[in-house]
């Protein structure tokens, strides 16, 4: 059965927006890897998830909100270079990979959801 009030699409859209914003932030860190005084940044996921605005019937459920609730913060690191730069290449590459995998998983989930809806629409009246 198709639920016309399905809140999954806006939630996935919001998570795709979050991964895109995080990709931009990590890319900026890598671009500034040798910039004196540059402080590595990241996008807050925990705060973003806490700001989700759907009614929840279970603690395991999640929701969505607009991307304005995302907060960019300086990454706390103990490895500051002599020029004051805090970008750690290993960390940034790891986070870039993780973020890319999250994005791919979200797109695959969304594609499957759309395929399911198409199937229901195309084959729904056939008995």
Protein backbone atom coordinates (compact mmCIF):
# COMPACT_ATOMS: atom_id res chain seq x y z
CA UNK A 1 0.00 0.00 0.00
CA UNK A 2 1.26 3.48 -0.84
CA UNK A 3 1.23 5.91 2.02
CA UNK A 4 0.60 9.39 0.56
CA UNK A 5 1.89 10.87 3.80
CA UNK A 6 5.21 9.05 3.48
CA UNK A 7 7.84 11.20 5.18
CA UNK A 8 10.72 9.07 3.96
CA UNK A 9 11.37 11.12 0.80
CA UNK A 10 11.89 14.42 2.64
CA UNK A 11 14.07 12.63 5.22
CA UNK A 12 16.28 11.09 2.54
CA UNK A 13 16.42 14.41 0.67
CA UNK A 14 17.54 16.12 3.86
CA UNK A 15 20.23 13.53 4.51
CA UNK A 16 21.47 13.96 0.92
CA UNK A 17 21.69 17.69 1.57
CA UNK A 18 23.67 16.99 4.74
CA UNK A 19 26.14 14.72 2.94
CA UNK A 20 26.56 17.35 0.18
CA UNK A 21 27.28 20.06 2.77
CA UNK A 22 29.74 17.77 4.52
CA UNK A 23 31.45 17.00 1.20
CA UNK A 24 31.92 20.73 0.63
CA UNK A 25 33.33 21.21 4.13
CA UNK A 26 35.79 18.32 3.86
CA UNK A 27 36.85 19.50 0.39
CA UNK A 28 37.52 22.97 1.81
CA UNK A 29 39.72 21.39 4.49
CA UNK A 30 41.71 19.51 1.87
CA UNK A 31 42.02 22.63 -0.27
CA UNK A 32 43.45 24.52 2.71
CA UNK A 33 45.76 21.76 3.92
CA UNK A 34 48.80 24.08 3.74
CA UNK A 35 47.09 27.39 4.54
CA UNK A 36 48.71 28.92 7.65
CA UNK A 37 46.28 29.25 10.55
CA UNK A 38 43.44 27.34 8.84
CA UNK A 39 41.36 25.31 11.29
CA UNK A 40 39.80 22.06 10.04
CA UNK A 41 35.99 22.08 10.06
CA UNK A 42 33.19 19.54 9.94
CA UNK A 43 29.39 19.52 9.88
CA UNK A 44 27.59 18.43 13.03
CA UNK A 45 25.64 15.22 12.50
CA UNK A 46 24.48 14.67 16.07
CA UNK A 47 22.99 18.14 16.38
CA UNK A 48 21.47 17.78 12.94
CA UNK A 49 19.75 14.54 13.93
CA UNK A 50 18.51 16.08 17.19
CA UNK A 51 16.92 18.92 15.26
CA UNK A 52 14.74 16.61 13.16
CA UNK A 53 11.13 17.68 13.33
CA UNK A 54 8.87 14.68 12.72
CA UNK A 55 6.51 13.20 15.26
CA UNK A 56 8.19 10.03 16.47
CA UNK A 57 6.35 6.94 17.62
CA UNK A 58 9.57 5.16 18.56
CA UNK A 59 13.04 6.19 19.63
CA UNK A 60 14.33 4.23 16.62
CA UNK A 61 12.51 6.50 14.15
CA UNK A 62 14.08 9.52 12.53
CA UNK A 63 12.71 12.55 10.76
CA UNK A 64 13.73 15.52 8.71
CA UNK A 65 14.18 19.26 8.87
CA UNK A 66 15.74 21.95 6.76
CA UNK A 67 19.48 22.14 6.34
CA UNK A 68 19.72 25.47 8.16
CA UNK A 69 19.96 23.46 11.40
CA UNK A 70 23.38 22.12 10.39
CA UNK A 71 26.28 23.57 12.32
CA UNK A 72 29.82 23.82 11.02
CA UNK A 73 32.38 23.52 13.80
CA UNK A 74 36.14 23.39 14.15
CA UNK A 75 37.48 19.88 14.47
CA UNK A 76 39.20 19.37 17.79
CA UNK A 77 42.58 17.91 17.04
CA UNK A 78 45.80 17.58 18.96
CA UNK A 79 47.96 17.71 15.83
CA UNK A 80 48.47 21.37 15.06
CA UNK A 81 51.19 22.12 12.53
CA UNK A 82 53.82 24.77 13.29
CA UNK A 83 51.97 27.20 11.00
CA UNK A 84 48.75 26.82 13.06
CA UNK A 85 46.95 24.62 10.51
CA UNK A 86 44.92 21.73 11.97
CA UNK A 87 44.01 19.79 8.81
CA UNK A 88 44.94 16.11 9.15
CA UNK A 89 45.14 14.47 5.72
CA UNK A 90 44.43 10.95 7.05
CA UNK A 91 41.33 12.08 8.94
CA UNK A 92 40.01 14.09 6.02
CA UNK A 93 40.45 11.25 3.53
CA UNK A 94 38.75 8.81 5.92
CA UNK A 95 35.82 11.16 6.47
CA UNK A 96 35.59 11.86 2.73
CA UNK A 97 35.32 8.11 2.06
CA UNK A 98 32.73 7.56 4.79
CA UNK A 99 30.68 10.50 3.57
CA UNK A 100 30.79 9.21 -0.01
CA UNK A 101 29.57 5.79 1.12
CA UNK A 102 26.70 7.38 3.04
CA UNK A 103 25.71 9.35 -0.04
CA UNK A 104 25.77 6.24 -2.25
CA UNK A 105 23.69 4.27 0.26
CA UNK A 106 21.09 7.04 0.41
CA UNK A 107 20.86 7.27 -3.39
CA UNK A 108 20.51 3.48 -3.69
CA UNK A 109 17.77 3.49 -1.05
CA UNK A 110 15.94 6.28 -2.86
CA UNK A 111 16.25 4.51 -6.22
CA UNK A 112 14.80 1.31 -4.74
CA UNK A 113 11.91 3.22 -3.21
CA UNK A 114 11.16 4.83 -6.59
CA UNK A 115 11.39 1.45 -8.39
CA UNK A 116 8.92 0.02 -5.89
CA UNK A 117 6.49 2.89 -6.44
CA UNK A 118 6.79 2.52 -10.24
CA UNK A 119 6.08 -1.18 -9.95
CA UNK A 120 2.99 -0.54 -7.87
CA UNK A 121 1.75 2.09 -10.32
CA UNK A 122 2.42 -0.03 -13.42
CA UNK A 123 1.26 -3.39 -12.07
CA UNK A 124 -1.25 -2.29 -9.45
CA UNK A 125 -4.41 -2.89 -11.50
CA UNK A 126 -3.33 -6.25 -12.95
CA UNK A 127 -4.83 -9.34 -11.42
